[in-house]
Structures are given as structure tokens and as C-alpha cells.
Amino acid sequence: MSTYVYGITHDSGSLDAAKLTGVGEPPSEVRFVRADGLAAAVSTTPEGLRAKRRDLAAHQEVLVELAREAAVLPMRFGAVAPDDEAVAAELRRSRDHYTALLDRLRDRVEVNVKATHIEEAALRAVLTENEELRRANERLREAGGGTPADRMAFGEQVAAALEDLRRRDADTVVEPLAKHADQVSMGPPVDNCLANVSLLVHRDKAEELNREVGRLQGRLGRLMEFKVNGPLPPYSFVTEPGR
């Protein structure tokens, strides 16, 4: 059976007291593969593993529990090695890299913030600030909607103006948040968000970041919505050896 890997931490005697269960049905028992002062939390990979809600939650819960005691390098869901020896060999091979990362991420957590325009409010904003678009909109209304070509051209102009607004507002959101973070990682614009930013923060400063999001919501709430997820294990800030 292959070995499922949750994350890597410093080896310590306290790990022996950990009673963790992981992915699979019934839940698999989590054990530790040790090498050169490092320990990888692993379990036997269940057959037919898929990203089901229960298993995603189990994966994260293992990492959250480990992070209560020490820094942890989280693996993404689905990280699998051929066997325990392959995991130990990787720990020995990349010991310096993983040790340095653990030291850098000590007492740090990840907080993800997504900001999304309220569609109607964003449209009003671009029409308010762009005189050319306002005139084009008025001409279409006076023409009873205009020709298909006119409507298509107007739609392209609006789309370009909305994209420009997204870029500008992304900076408006990210810059004040970044002041509270050690490091920032920009994610893809999922769910049409204008900003998808992961921030590495000291766990003692996570509440400061939440207050900053609250200030942004108070100032920009008529134009955009915010979604905060965290604190999380620092998934976005774990680099591969050699990078």
C-alpha cells in the first residue's frame, strides 16, 4: 500500500502522544516517519481516495492539531509516496530545505481573503466615471437598444472598463492587507473575484488582519464583498526543494 502524506514537522517526543486519525473510511491511523530530526505525518492510503468533504476535513484536522504544538509544512490533499521509506529518503535528502522552512514558518498561519465586486454596483461605478460609456449607453437607449453590432461593441467597452476597475480595486484591497503580513501570495481569480490573496501572518497578528478587512468592508462595502478563510496551515508558503 502507498503512503499518504499530511505534512512535515520537527521530530519531537510529543508526537508519540498524538492520537490522530486521517483520511479514509474507516479513518486511517496517523503515524510518523522520522529521519534526521524531521517527522512526516502519514497514513496508509485508502483505496479509491477522492476529494470528498470528510477526507478534506480529516486532512486539514491532522495539520491543525500538529500546528498547535509546532510549525508544520502542510502538503496539499492527495500527496502520496510509494512507501514509508520513500518518505524517509525525501526527509534525509531535503533536510536543510525543510528545516529552514519550518524555522521561517514558526508561529505563522495563512489567512486567505477574497474580494468580489457587487455586479450592479461595479457597473454603476464604471458608468459614473466614464463619460464615453455613459453617452454610448444613452445612445443605445434612444435607439431602442440599437443594432446587435452596437450592443456587442458596447458590451466589449463595458467589459474592458470593468476589468480595469478590477485591477485598480485589487490594489486598493491588497496593499493595506499586505502591511500586516510577512509574505503575500496571489491566487487565481476564482469565482470572478477581483483579489484572491493569501497572507502569511504571525498568529498573534491574525486579529489585526481581521480588523483591517473590517475597515475595508466598512469603506468599500457598497461596491464589493469580502470572504475571509483562516487561520489555516500555511499551504501557499511551502516551497519545493530546489526552489
Protein backbone atom coordinates (compact mmCIF):
# COMPACT_ATOMS: atom_id res chain seq x y z
CA MET A 1 0.00 0.00 0.00
CA SER A 2 1.23 3.53 -0.75
CA THR A 3 1.82 6.17 1.94
CA TYR A 4 -0.39 9.22 2.25
CA VAL A 5 1.48 12.32 3.49
CA TYR A 6 -0.18 15.11 5.52
CA GLY A 7 2.76 17.30 6.43
CA ILE A 8 6.26 17.64 7.84
CA THR A 9 7.32 18.92 11.25
CA HIS A 10 10.30 18.80 13.59
CA ASP A 11 10.70 15.43 15.29
CA SER A 12 9.91 15.51 18.99
CA GLY A 13 8.84 13.19 21.75
CA SER A 14 5.46 14.90 21.99
CA LEU A 15 4.48 13.37 18.65
CA ASP A 16 4.35 9.94 20.28
CA ALA A 17 1.38 11.07 22.37
CA ALA A 18 -0.58 12.29 19.34
CA LYS A 19 -3.66 10.20 18.64
CA LEU A 20 -4.67 11.38 15.18
CA THR A 21 -6.93 9.86 12.59
CA GLY A 22 -6.84 10.78 8.93
CA VAL A 23 -8.40 10.09 5.57
CA GLY A 24 -10.38 7.02 4.63
CA GLU A 25 -13.47 5.19 5.82
CA PRO A 26 -12.97 3.99 8.48
CA PRO A 27 -10.48 6.75 9.32
CA SER A 28 -6.86 5.67 8.99
CA GLU A 29 -4.42 5.89 11.89
CA VAL A 30 -1.81 8.60 11.53
CA ARG A 31 1.81 7.61 12.22
CA PHE A 32 5.15 9.37 11.87
CA VAL A 33 8.04 8.63 9.55
CA ARG A 34 11.22 10.02 11.15
CA ALA A 35 14.60 10.95 9.67
CA ASP A 36 17.37 13.43 10.56
CA GLY A 37 15.36 15.43 13.09
CA LEU A 38 12.24 15.66 10.91
CA ALA A 39 8.96 13.78 11.07
CA ALA A 40 6.31 13.33 8.39
CA ALA A 41 2.73 12.66 9.45
CA VAL A 42 1.48 9.82 7.24
CA SER A 43 -1.08 7.06 7.00
CA THR A 44 -1.84 4.20 4.66
CA THR A 45 -3.51 5.50 1.50
CA PRO A 46 -7.09 4.21 1.32
CA GLU A 47 -8.36 2.69 -1.89
CA GLY A 48 -10.33 4.99 -4.17
CA LEU A 49 -9.25 8.17 -2.39
CA ARG A 50 -11.11 11.20 -3.70
CA ALA A 51 -11.50 14.81 -2.55
CA LYS A 52 -14.66 14.16 -0.55
CA ARG A 53 -15.67 16.61 2.16
CA ARG A 54 -14.96 14.19 5.02
CA ASP A 55 -11.47 13.39 3.77
CA LEU A 56 -10.64 17.04 3.03
CA ALA A 57 -11.68 17.91 6.57
CA ALA A 58 -9.71 14.98 8.03
CA HIS A 59 -6.58 16.04 6.15
CA GLN A 60 -6.82 19.57 7.48
CA GLU A 61 -7.64 18.49 11.03
CA VAL A 62 -4.39 16.49 11.22
CA LEU A 63 -2.45 19.60 10.21
CA VAL A 64 -4.35 21.86 12.60
CA GLU A 65 -3.65 19.52 15.51
CA LEU A 66 0.05 19.30 14.67
CA ALA A 67 0.27 23.08 14.34
CA ARG A 68 -1.00 23.51 17.90
CA GLU A 69 2.37 22.23 19.12
CA ALA A 70 4.90 23.32 16.49
CA ALA A 71 5.44 24.60 12.96
CA VAL A 72 4.21 22.29 10.22
CA LEU A 73 4.73 22.19 6.46
CA PRO A 74 1.31 21.18 5.08
CA MET A 75 1.04 19.01 2.00
CA ARG A 76 -1.87 19.53 -0.38
CA PHE A 77 -4.66 16.95 -0.24
CA GLY A 78 -3.72 13.86 -2.21
CA ALA A 79 0.07 13.84 -1.64
CA VAL A 80 1.10 10.19 -1.91
CA ALA A 81 4.51 8.46 -1.77
CA PRO A 82 5.28 4.87 -2.81
CA ASP A 83 6.01 3.80 0.79
CA ASP A 84 7.38 4.97 4.16
CA GLU A 85 10.99 4.53 3.07
CA ALA A 86 10.45 6.88 0.14
CA VAL A 87 9.16 9.49 2.60
CA ALA A 88 12.17 8.99 4.90
CA ALA A 89 14.53 9.28 1.93
CA GLU A 90 12.95 12.60 0.95
CA LEU A 91 13.32 13.92 4.51
CA ARG A 92 17.02 13.00 4.50
CA ARG A 93 17.61 14.35 1.00
CA SER A 94 15.97 17.74 1.63
CA ARG A 95 16.61 18.10 5.37
CA ASP A 96 18.18 21.56 5.14
CA HIS A 97 15.35 22.92 3.00
CA TYR A 98 12.57 21.62 5.23
CA THR A 99 14.33 22.67 8.44
CA ALA A 100 14.81 26.23 7.17
CA LEU A 101 11.16 26.41 6.09
CA LEU A 102 9.95 25.18 9.47
CA ASP A 103 12.04 27.81 11.21
CA ARG A 104 10.65 30.55 8.93
CA LEU A 105 7.04 29.43 9.39
CA ARG A 106 7.19 29.01 13.16
CA ASP A 107 4.12 30.66 14.77
CA ARG A 108 2.85 31.70 11.32
CA VAL A 109 -0.57 30.97 9.83
CA GLU A 110 -2.17 31.61 6.47
CA VAL A 111 -5.24 33.81 6.04
CA ASN A 112 -6.97 33.92 2.67
CA VAL A 113 -9.04 36.95 1.66
CA LYS A 114 -11.22 37.08 -1.45
CA ALA A 115 -12.79 40.35 -2.60
CA THR A 116 -15.53 40.33 -5.23
CA HIS A 117 -17.34 43.21 -6.90
CA ILE A 118 -21.09 43.50 -6.42
CA GLU A 119 -22.03 43.31 -10.08
CA GLU A 120 -24.63 46.08 -10.28
CA ALA A 121 -22.55 48.42 -8.11
CA ALA A 122 -19.47 47.89 -10.27
CA LEU A 123 -21.46 48.61 -13.42
CA ARG A 124 -22.81 51.83 -11.90
CA ALA A 125 -19.28 52.79 -10.92
CA VAL A 126 -17.84 52.45 -14.43
CA LEU A 127 -20.78 54.30 -15.99
CA THR A 128 -20.43 57.09 -13.43
CA GLU A 129 -16.71 57.63 -14.00
CA ASN A 130 -16.60 57.03 -17.77
CA GLU A 131 -18.34 59.76 -19.78
CA GLU A 132 -17.84 57.97 -23.09
CA LEU A 133 -19.62 54.87 -21.77
CA ARG A 134 -22.48 56.98 -20.42
CA ARG A 135 -23.01 58.62 -23.81
CA ALA A 136 -22.89 55.24 -25.58
CA ASN A 137 -25.43 53.85 -23.12
CA GLU A 138 -27.73 56.81 -23.69
CA ARG A 139 -27.47 56.44 -27.49
CA LEU A 140 -28.46 52.78 -27.22
CA ARG A 141 -31.46 53.66 -25.09
CA GLU A 142 -32.57 56.35 -27.52
CA ALA A 143 -32.22 53.85 -30.37
CA GLY A 144 -34.36 51.29 -28.58
CA GLY A 145 -31.38 49.10 -27.83
CA GLY A 146 -29.53 49.65 -31.10
CA THR A 147 -28.31 47.03 -33.56
CA PRO A 148 -26.70 43.74 -32.47
CA ALA A 149 -23.34 45.17 -33.56
CA ASP A 150 -23.91 48.29 -31.44
CA ARG A 151 -24.82 46.21 -28.41
CA MET A 152 -21.80 43.96 -28.88
CA ALA A 153 -19.45 46.93 -29.17
CA PHE A 154 -20.95 48.49 -26.04
CA GLY A 155 -20.66 45.21 -24.16
CA GLU A 156 -16.96 44.97 -25.06
CA GLN A 157 -16.38 48.52 -23.83
CA VAL A 158 -18.14 47.78 -20.56
CA ALA A 159 -16.17 44.55 -20.09
CA ALA A 160 -12.89 46.40 -20.63
CA ALA A 161 -13.91 49.12 -18.15
CA LEU A 162 -14.93 46.53 -15.54
CA GLU A 163 -11.60 44.71 -15.96
CA ASP A 164 -9.74 47.97 -15.45
CA LEU A 165 -11.81 48.62 -12.31
CA ARG A 166 -10.97 45.13 -11.01
CA ARG A 167 -7.25 45.74 -11.45
CA ARG A 168 -7.38 49.09 -9.68
CA ASP A 169 -9.55 47.82 -6.84
CA ALA A 170 -7.32 44.77 -6.38
CA ASP A 171 -4.51 47.15 -5.41
CA THR A 172 -6.90 49.02 -3.11
CA VAL A 173 -7.59 45.77 -1.27
CA VAL A 174 -4.19 44.08 -1.27
CA GLU A 175 -1.96 46.99 -0.26
CA PRO A 176 -3.48 47.62 3.21
CA LEU A 177 -3.72 43.88 3.92
CA ALA A 178 -0.09 43.27 2.94
CA LYS A 179 1.07 45.67 5.67
CA HIS A 180 0.01 43.07 8.25
CA ALA A 181 1.74 40.11 6.57
CA ASP A 182 5.24 38.67 6.41
CA GLN A 183 4.57 37.42 2.90
CA VAL A 184 1.80 37.62 0.30
CA SER A 185 0.77 35.07 -2.33
CA MET A 186 -1.72 35.99 -5.05
CA GLY A 187 -4.03 33.22 -6.19
CA PRO A 188 -6.09 32.89 -9.38
CA PRO A 189 -9.32 34.93 -9.72
CA VAL A 190 -11.66 32.09 -8.73
CA ASP A 191 -15.40 32.80 -8.66
CA ASN A 192 -14.73 36.02 -10.60
CA CYS A 193 -13.12 37.69 -7.59
CA LEU A 194 -11.01 40.80 -8.11
CA ALA A 195 -8.48 39.72 -5.48
CA ASN A 196 -7.63 36.28 -4.12
CA VAL A 197 -4.80 36.91 -1.68
CA SER A 198 -3.18 34.58 0.85
CA LEU A 199 -1.25 36.25 3.64
CA LEU A 200 1.36 34.74 5.92
CA VAL A 201 0.92 36.33 9.33
CA HIS A 202 2.15 35.73 12.86
CA ARG A 203 -0.68 34.02 14.71
CA ASP A 204 -0.71 36.87 17.24
CA LYS A 205 -1.43 39.34 14.42
CA ALA A 206 -4.28 37.43 12.77
CA GLU A 207 -6.85 39.53 14.62
CA GLU A 208 -5.20 42.73 13.35
CA LEU A 209 -5.66 41.45 9.82
CA ASN A 210 -9.33 40.69 10.50
CA ARG A 211 -9.80 44.25 11.73
CA GLU A 212 -8.21 45.57 8.54
CA VAL A 213 -10.67 43.53 6.49
CA GLY A 214 -13.45 45.04 8.60
CA ARG A 215 -12.19 48.55 7.80
CA LEU A 216 -12.14 47.74 4.09
CA GLN A 217 -15.65 46.32 4.30
CA GLY A 218 -16.84 49.49 6.00
CA ARG A 219 -15.25 51.70 3.37
CA LEU A 220 -15.95 49.63 0.25
CA GLY A 221 -18.94 47.51 1.24
CA ARG A 222 -21.27 49.18 -1.26
CA LEU A 223 -19.00 48.11 -4.10
CA MET A 224 -17.56 44.75 -3.07
CA GLU A 225 -17.91 41.78 -0.76
CA PHE A 226 -15.16 40.12 1.29
CA LYS A 227 -14.70 36.50 2.33
CA VAL A 228 -12.05 35.54 4.90
CA ASN A 229 -10.82 31.97 5.42
CA GLY A 230 -8.37 31.26 8.21
CA PRO A 231 -6.26 30.91 10.14
CA LEU A 232 -5.07 27.98 8.02
CA PRO A 233 -1.91 25.92 7.80
CA PRO A 234 0.47 27.89 5.52
CA TYR A 235 -0.22 25.93 2.32
CA SER A 236 0.66 28.79 -0.02
CA PHE A 237 4.08 29.37 1.52
CA VAL A 238 5.60 25.88 1.36
CA THR A 239 8.17 25.75 -1.45
CA GLU A 240 9.61 22.64 -3.05
CA PRO A 241 13.26 21.74 -2.53
CA GLY A 242 15.48 23.46 -5.07
CA ARG A 243 13.14 26.45 -5.49
